Protein backbone atom coordinates (compact mmCIF):
# COMPACT_ATOMS: atom_id res chain seq x y z
CA MET A 1 -3.93 9.05 -23.43
CA LYS A 2 -3.91 5.25 -22.87
CA TYR A 3 -4.17 3.92 -19.40
CA ILE A 4 -1.20 2.01 -18.14
CA GLU A 5 -2.92 -1.21 -17.56
CA THR A 6 -4.04 -1.30 -21.26
CA LEU A 7 -0.47 -0.84 -22.61
CA ARG A 8 1.08 -3.75 -24.60
CA GLU A 9 4.57 -4.55 -25.87
CA GLY A 10 5.31 -3.11 -29.28
CA GLU A 11 3.06 -0.18 -28.92
CA ARG A 12 4.12 3.52 -29.40
CA VAL A 13 2.61 5.51 -26.63
CA GLY A 14 1.91 9.34 -26.28
CA GLY A 15 0.18 10.91 -23.51
CA ILE A 16 0.37 12.63 -20.02
CA TYR A 17 1.36 10.86 -16.98
CA LEU A 18 2.55 11.60 -13.43
CA CYS A 19 6.15 11.30 -12.87
CA LYS A 20 6.16 9.24 -9.66
CA ALA A 21 9.92 8.72 -9.40
CA LYS A 22 12.99 9.96 -11.21
CA GLN A 23 16.66 8.96 -10.83
CA ALA A 24 19.90 9.69 -12.68
CA ALA A 25 22.11 6.60 -13.46
CA LEU A 26 24.84 5.32 -15.59
CA THR A 27 24.97 2.43 -18.07
CA LYS A 28 27.73 -0.14 -17.75
CA ALA A 29 29.49 1.85 -20.45
CA GLY A 30 29.36 5.07 -18.30
CA LYS A 31 26.69 6.79 -20.42
CA PRO A 32 24.05 8.81 -18.28
CA TYR A 33 20.43 7.92 -18.41
CA GLU A 34 17.30 8.54 -16.25
CA SER A 35 15.15 6.02 -14.76
CA LEU A 36 11.46 7.07 -14.24
CA VAL A 37 8.31 5.57 -12.64
CA LEU A 38 5.08 6.88 -14.49
CA GLN A 39 1.79 6.64 -12.88
CA ASP A 40 -1.99 6.86 -13.57
CA LYS A 41 -4.94 5.60 -11.87
CA THR A 42 -4.57 2.15 -13.20
CA GLY A 43 -1.00 1.57 -11.97
CA THR A 44 2.67 2.43 -12.57
CA LEU A 45 5.17 1.80 -15.37
CA ASP A 46 8.94 1.83 -15.38
CA ALA A 47 10.43 4.13 -18.02
CA LYS A 48 13.84 4.84 -19.27
CA VAL A 49 15.34 8.00 -20.83
CA TRP A 50 18.41 6.68 -22.53
CA ASP A 51 19.55 10.21 -23.80
CA PRO A 52 18.28 12.84 -21.12
CA ASN A 53 20.24 15.51 -22.97
CA SER A 54 18.67 15.22 -26.23
CA GLN A 55 16.66 18.13 -27.61
CA GLY A 56 13.17 16.43 -27.25
CA ILE A 57 13.64 16.04 -23.41
CA ASP A 58 12.35 18.98 -21.47
CA GLU A 59 13.22 19.79 -17.79
CA PHE A 60 10.83 18.20 -15.38
CA GLU A 61 10.82 17.13 -11.59
CA VAL A 62 9.28 14.32 -9.59
CA LEU A 63 5.51 14.71 -9.16
CA ASP A 64 5.28 16.88 -12.41
CA TYR A 65 2.69 15.84 -15.01
CA ILE A 66 4.61 15.06 -18.14
CA ASP A 67 3.61 14.54 -21.75
CA VAL A 68 5.62 11.36 -22.80
CA MET A 69 6.07 9.80 -26.08
CA GLY A 70 7.92 6.44 -26.28
CA ASP A 71 7.95 2.70 -27.11
CA VAL A 72 6.59 -0.12 -24.96
CA THR A 73 9.19 -2.81 -24.47
CA SER A 74 9.46 -5.80 -22.07
CA PHE A 75 12.34 -6.32 -19.65
CA GLN A 76 12.56 -9.23 -17.28
CA GLY A 77 8.88 -10.02 -17.69
CA SER A 78 7.62 -6.56 -17.02
CA LEU A 79 6.61 -3.75 -19.40
CA GLN A 80 8.98 -0.74 -19.76
CA LEU A 81 8.66 2.54 -21.80
CA ASN A 82 11.71 3.60 -23.71
CA VAL A 83 11.06 7.39 -23.85
CA LYS A 84 11.85 9.55 -26.94
CA ARG A 85 10.27 12.77 -26.02
CA ILE A 86 9.09 14.39 -22.74
CA ARG A 87 7.26 17.82 -22.25
CA LYS A 88 6.11 19.13 -18.91
CA ALA A 89 2.27 19.38 -19.18
CA ARG A 90 0.50 22.56 -18.44
CA GLU A 91 -2.47 23.17 -16.02
CA GLY A 92 -5.77 22.39 -17.67
CA GLU A 93 -4.29 19.65 -19.88
CA TYR A 94 -4.81 16.94 -17.19
CA ASN A 95 -7.23 15.99 -14.42
CA PRO A 96 -5.22 14.97 -11.31
CA GLN A 97 -7.98 12.35 -10.28
CA GLU A 98 -6.95 10.41 -13.45
CA TYR A 99 -3.51 9.85 -11.87
CA LEU A 100 -4.23 8.39 -8.46
CA PRO A 101 -4.38 4.63 -8.30
CA VAL A 102 -7.52 3.69 -6.51
CA THR A 103 -9.13 0.47 -5.06
CA SER A 104 -11.56 -1.14 -7.26
CA LYS A 105 -13.97 -1.81 -4.40
CA ASP A 106 -16.44 0.61 -3.01
CA ILE A 107 -14.88 2.61 -0.14
CA GLY A 108 -18.08 3.58 1.51
CA GLN A 109 -19.21 -0.04 1.67
CA MET A 110 -15.84 -1.32 2.85
CA TYR A 111 -15.96 1.26 5.80
CA GLN A 112 -19.48 0.35 6.87
CA GLU A 113 -18.43 -3.33 6.85
CA LEU A 114 -15.42 -2.44 8.96
CA THR A 115 -17.37 -0.45 11.59
CA ARG A 116 -19.99 -3.26 11.93
CA PHE A 117 -17.36 -5.24 13.68
CA ILE A 118 -17.27 -2.44 16.27
CA GLN A 119 -20.99 -2.55 16.81
CA GLU A 120 -20.85 -6.26 17.58
CA MET A 121 -17.88 -6.01 20.31
CA GLN A 122 -18.96 -7.00 23.73
CA ASN A 123 -15.88 -5.59 25.61
CA PRO A 124 -16.82 -1.96 26.58
CA PHE A 125 -13.31 -0.58 26.59
CA LEU A 126 -12.29 -1.97 23.26
CA LYS A 127 -15.60 -0.91 21.75
CA LYS A 128 -15.07 2.70 23.09
CA LEU A 129 -11.54 2.74 21.84
CA CYS A 130 -12.35 1.59 18.46
CA SER A 131 -15.47 3.94 18.19
CA SER A 132 -13.16 6.94 19.31
CA PHE A 133 -11.10 6.47 16.12
CA PHE A 134 -13.39 4.89 13.40
CA VAL A 135 -16.70 6.37 14.33
CA GLU A 136 -16.35 9.67 16.33
CA ASP A 137 -13.19 10.97 14.78
CA GLU A 138 -14.28 12.29 11.35
CA ALA A 139 -10.74 13.59 10.34
CA PHE A 140 -9.31 10.24 11.18
CA ALA A 141 -11.91 8.36 9.17
CA ASP A 142 -11.57 10.54 6.11
CA ALA A 143 -7.80 10.05 6.07
CA PHE A 144 -8.10 6.38 6.66
CA LYS A 145 -10.48 5.92 3.75
CA PHE A 146 -8.11 7.79 1.48
CA HIS A 147 -4.65 6.48 2.50
CA SER A 148 -2.78 3.75 0.93
CA ALA A 149 -1.20 0.76 2.83
CA ALA A 150 2.27 0.92 1.21
CA LYS A 151 4.52 2.94 -1.04
CA ASN A 152 5.01 0.24 -3.54
CA VAL A 153 4.78 -3.28 -2.20
CA HIS A 154 1.02 -4.03 -1.67
CA HIS A 155 -2.25 -1.88 -1.55
CA GLY A 156 -0.29 1.16 -2.74
CA PHE A 157 -3.51 2.90 -3.90
CA VAL A 158 -6.19 5.23 -2.61
CA GLY A 159 -8.34 3.07 -0.21
CA GLY A 160 -5.61 0.59 0.08
CA LEU A 161 -5.21 0.94 3.83
CA LEU A 162 -8.85 0.44 4.36
CA GLU A 163 -8.94 -2.54 1.88
CA HIS A 164 -6.02 -4.22 3.65
CA THR A 165 -7.47 -3.55 7.12
CA LEU A 166 -10.84 -4.91 6.28
CA SER A 167 -9.37 -8.08 4.78
CA VAL A 168 -7.18 -8.65 7.78
CA THR A 169 -9.98 -8.06 10.19
CA LYS A 170 -12.27 -10.36 8.24
CA MET A 171 -9.51 -13.07 8.37
CA CYS A 172 -9.14 -12.61 12.15
CA CYS A 173 -12.96 -12.98 12.64
CA TYR A 174 -12.66 -16.31 10.78
CA TYR A 175 -9.83 -17.30 13.15
CA THR A 176 -12.01 -16.66 16.22
CA GLU A 177 -14.82 -18.90 14.84
CA THR A 178 -12.18 -21.66 14.04
CA TYR A 179 -10.26 -21.30 17.33
CA PRO A 180 -12.83 -20.21 19.94
CA PHE A 181 -10.17 -19.84 22.51
CA LEU A 182 -9.06 -16.58 20.94
CA HIS A 183 -10.19 -13.26 22.59
CA LYS A 184 -12.48 -12.03 19.75
CA ASP A 185 -12.76 -8.42 20.63
CA LEU A 186 -9.04 -8.14 21.41
CA LEU A 187 -8.01 -9.69 18.00
CA LEU A 188 -10.49 -7.63 16.04
CA ALA A 189 -9.48 -4.54 17.69
CA ALA A 190 -5.89 -5.26 17.00
CA ALA A 191 -6.61 -6.05 13.32
CA MET A 192 -8.42 -2.70 12.89
CA PHE A 193 -5.40 -0.80 14.61
CA HIS A 194 -2.46 -2.73 13.29
CA ASP A 195 -1.59 -0.35 10.51
CA ILE A 196 -3.09 2.93 11.62
CA GLY A 197 0.49 4.26 11.99
CA LYS A 198 0.72 4.36 8.14
CA LEU A 199 -1.37 7.62 8.24
CA GLU A 200 1.87 9.19 9.54
CA GLU A 201 4.36 6.94 8.04
CA LEU A 202 3.41 7.74 4.53
CA SER A 203 2.44 11.14 3.04
CA ALA A 204 -0.93 11.50 1.21
CA PHE A 205 -1.26 11.11 -2.49
CA PRO A 206 0.11 12.05 -5.04
CA ALA A 207 3.41 11.74 -3.17
CA ASN A 208 2.64 8.68 -1.07
CA ASP A 209 6.29 8.55 0.21
CA TYR A 210 7.84 7.93 3.59
CA THR A 211 7.75 11.03 5.98
CA ASP A 212 10.49 11.85 8.50
CA ALA A 213 8.33 10.13 11.22
CA GLY A 214 7.98 7.10 8.85
CA GLN A 215 11.78 6.90 8.31
CA LEU A 216 12.65 7.51 11.95
CA LEU A 217 9.93 5.52 13.79
CA GLY A 218 7.91 3.32 11.38
CA HIS A 219 4.20 2.62 11.35
CA ILE A 220 4.38 -0.05 14.07
CA MET A 221 5.83 2.25 16.67
CA ILE A 222 3.68 5.25 15.64
CA GLY A 223 0.29 3.09 15.73
CA ALA A 224 1.23 1.70 19.20
CA GLU A 225 1.79 5.39 20.41
CA ARG A 226 -1.48 6.65 18.93
CA VAL A 227 -3.44 3.78 20.49
CA SER A 228 -1.76 4.31 23.83
CA GLU A 229 -2.57 8.02 23.74
CA ARG A 230 -6.20 7.43 23.18
CA ILE A 231 -6.37 4.67 25.81
CA SER A 232 -5.24 7.34 28.30
CA THR A 233 -8.44 9.26 27.64
CA ILE A 234 -10.73 6.30 28.51
CA PRO A 235 -11.18 6.11 32.38
CA ASP A 236 -10.33 2.83 34.03
CA PHE A 237 -9.08 1.05 30.71
CA PRO A 238 -7.62 -2.15 32.05
CA ILE A 239 -3.81 -1.98 31.96
CA LYS A 240 -3.49 -5.58 31.17
CA LEU A 241 -5.84 -5.32 28.26
CA ALA A 242 -4.05 -2.29 26.98
CA ASN A 243 -0.69 -4.00 27.04
CA GLU A 244 -2.06 -7.01 25.14
CA LEU A 245 -3.55 -4.78 22.45
CA LYS A 246 -0.40 -2.79 22.01
CA HIS A 247 1.67 -6.01 22.03
CA CYS A 248 -0.43 -7.21 19.17
CA ILE A 249 0.36 -4.02 17.18
CA LEU A 250 4.08 -4.08 18.07
CA SER A 251 4.50 -7.73 16.96
CA HIS A 252 2.20 -7.93 13.97
CA HIS A 253 5.05 -8.37 11.45
CA GLY A 254 5.83 -11.61 13.22
CA GLU A 255 9.75 -11.55 13.38
CA LEU A 256 12.36 -9.01 14.35
CA GLU A 257 13.85 -8.97 10.97
CA TYR A 258 10.66 -7.98 9.44
CA GLY A 259 10.45 -4.87 11.50
CA SER A 260 8.56 -5.90 14.66
CA PRO A 261 10.11 -4.80 18.00
CA LYS A 262 8.52 -7.87 19.60
CA ARG A 263 7.81 -11.44 18.53
CA PRO A 264 4.17 -12.54 19.14
CA ALA A 265 3.76 -13.84 22.79
CA ILE A 266 -0.02 -14.29 22.91
CA ALA A 267 -2.42 -16.37 20.71
CA GLU A 268 -4.01 -13.15 19.32
CA ALA A 269 -0.72 -11.61 18.26
CA VAL A 270 0.09 -14.90 16.47
CA ALA A 271 -3.16 -14.80 14.66
CA LEU A 272 -2.79 -11.21 13.57
CA SER A 273 0.64 -11.69 12.35
CA PHE A 274 -0.61 -14.62 10.03
CA ALA A 275 -3.60 -12.64 8.77
CA ASP A 276 -1.46 -9.62 7.86
CA ASN A 277 1.15 -11.63 6.17
CA THR A 278 -1.39 -13.60 4.20
CA ASP A 279 -3.21 -10.55 2.99
CA ALA A 280 0.00 -8.70 2.06
CA LYS A 281 1.47 -11.78 0.08
CA MET A 282 -1.85 -12.46 -1.67
CA GLN A 283 -2.28 -8.92 -2.85
CA THR A 284 1.46 -8.73 -3.88
CA MET A 285 0.92 -11.87 -6.02
CA LYS A 286 -2.29 -10.44 -7.49
CA GLU A 287 -0.63 -7.19 -8.31
CA ALA A 288 2.28 -8.98 -9.91
CA LEU A 289 0.05 -11.13 -12.13
CA GLU A 290 -2.07 -8.03 -13.13
CA ALA A 291 1.11 -6.12 -14.15
CA SER A 292 1.72 -8.84 -16.74
CA PRO A 293 -1.70 -9.72 -18.01
CA GLU A 294 -0.55 -11.56 -21.25
CA ASN A 295 2.46 -13.29 -19.75
CA ASN A 296 1.69 -16.99 -19.17
CA GLY A 297 5.17 -17.97 -18.32
CA TRP A 298 7.58 -16.94 -15.55
CA LEU A 299 7.30 -13.40 -14.39
CA GLY A 300 10.71 -13.04 -12.81
CA TYR A 301 12.14 -12.76 -9.31
CA ASN A 302 9.92 -11.30 -6.56
CA ARG A 303 11.69 -10.21 -3.37
CA LEU A 304 8.78 -10.59 -1.17
CA PHE A 305 8.53 -14.40 -2.05
CA GLU A 306 12.27 -14.69 -2.64
CA SER A 307 11.22 -16.79 -5.70
CA ASN A 308 10.68 -16.54 -9.45
CA ILE A 309 6.91 -16.52 -9.76
CA ARG A 310 4.53 -17.63 -12.61
CA ARG A 311 0.81 -17.60 -13.53
CA THR A 312 -1.18 -20.77 -12.48
CA THR A 313 -2.12 -22.93 -15.58
CA GLU A 314 -5.82 -22.35 -16.24
CA GLU A 315 -6.31 -25.63 -18.11
């Protein structure tokens, strides 16, 4: 098996991959085909089965491990596999850990760095609240370290939620140094909590897909509810401070059309929305460039940037 990140146009590939997605479709001529997303720990690859009823295509379902043979081509600047044969893999033929995309950074070190921000907090209520999640709640900590930050937009890998949260928190810390009028503990707590709702919005790997709660409520509402529930267990937690923290979570996407039920109304909420947007877009650009390592031209339209994107000239 060759890892997806090593595949190049023109290669014939054979190996076992996780079938992340499967959808039946029709060509413009009305001929049926199947569109797949294959996955291993290095990334995902679009695949097409142009003749799903052929003798070499066995029955399989989403989240099955399948032994695939096909040719690597390029379509609109991205690699694609034209599948010739598929066989459902048998237990013992694969190691599931080889098929989970994972952060390239050390999860333990990232978590220690994140919790150090709690140790430095001066506000006793915010410090207690953050500690109750990230330090005292082992089940929460274990889930937080393992979870992704998205299904397929950015940080969609094991440790992605932690990596994104740490990056946003560090950026917010920089903001407080550059703009001292910001309430540091409030902003850092909001940064740490802003995406905790994704623990319930998305299922765990290998599915990493939207749950019923995720579809009906979304991570912003779920996160605000979980923080509100925990605040209620801390005696004398200031109501004004609680509302400001929840407002930061509810408004962290910045605009109503981006899913926030509120627009930022305090400086800390503005700062958090900028930090979240910056990290999401930079990671999206990074992943797009990594998906086409040998393409020095235009990579095609990206819906997050609403633009055709390209690699920066290195000369």
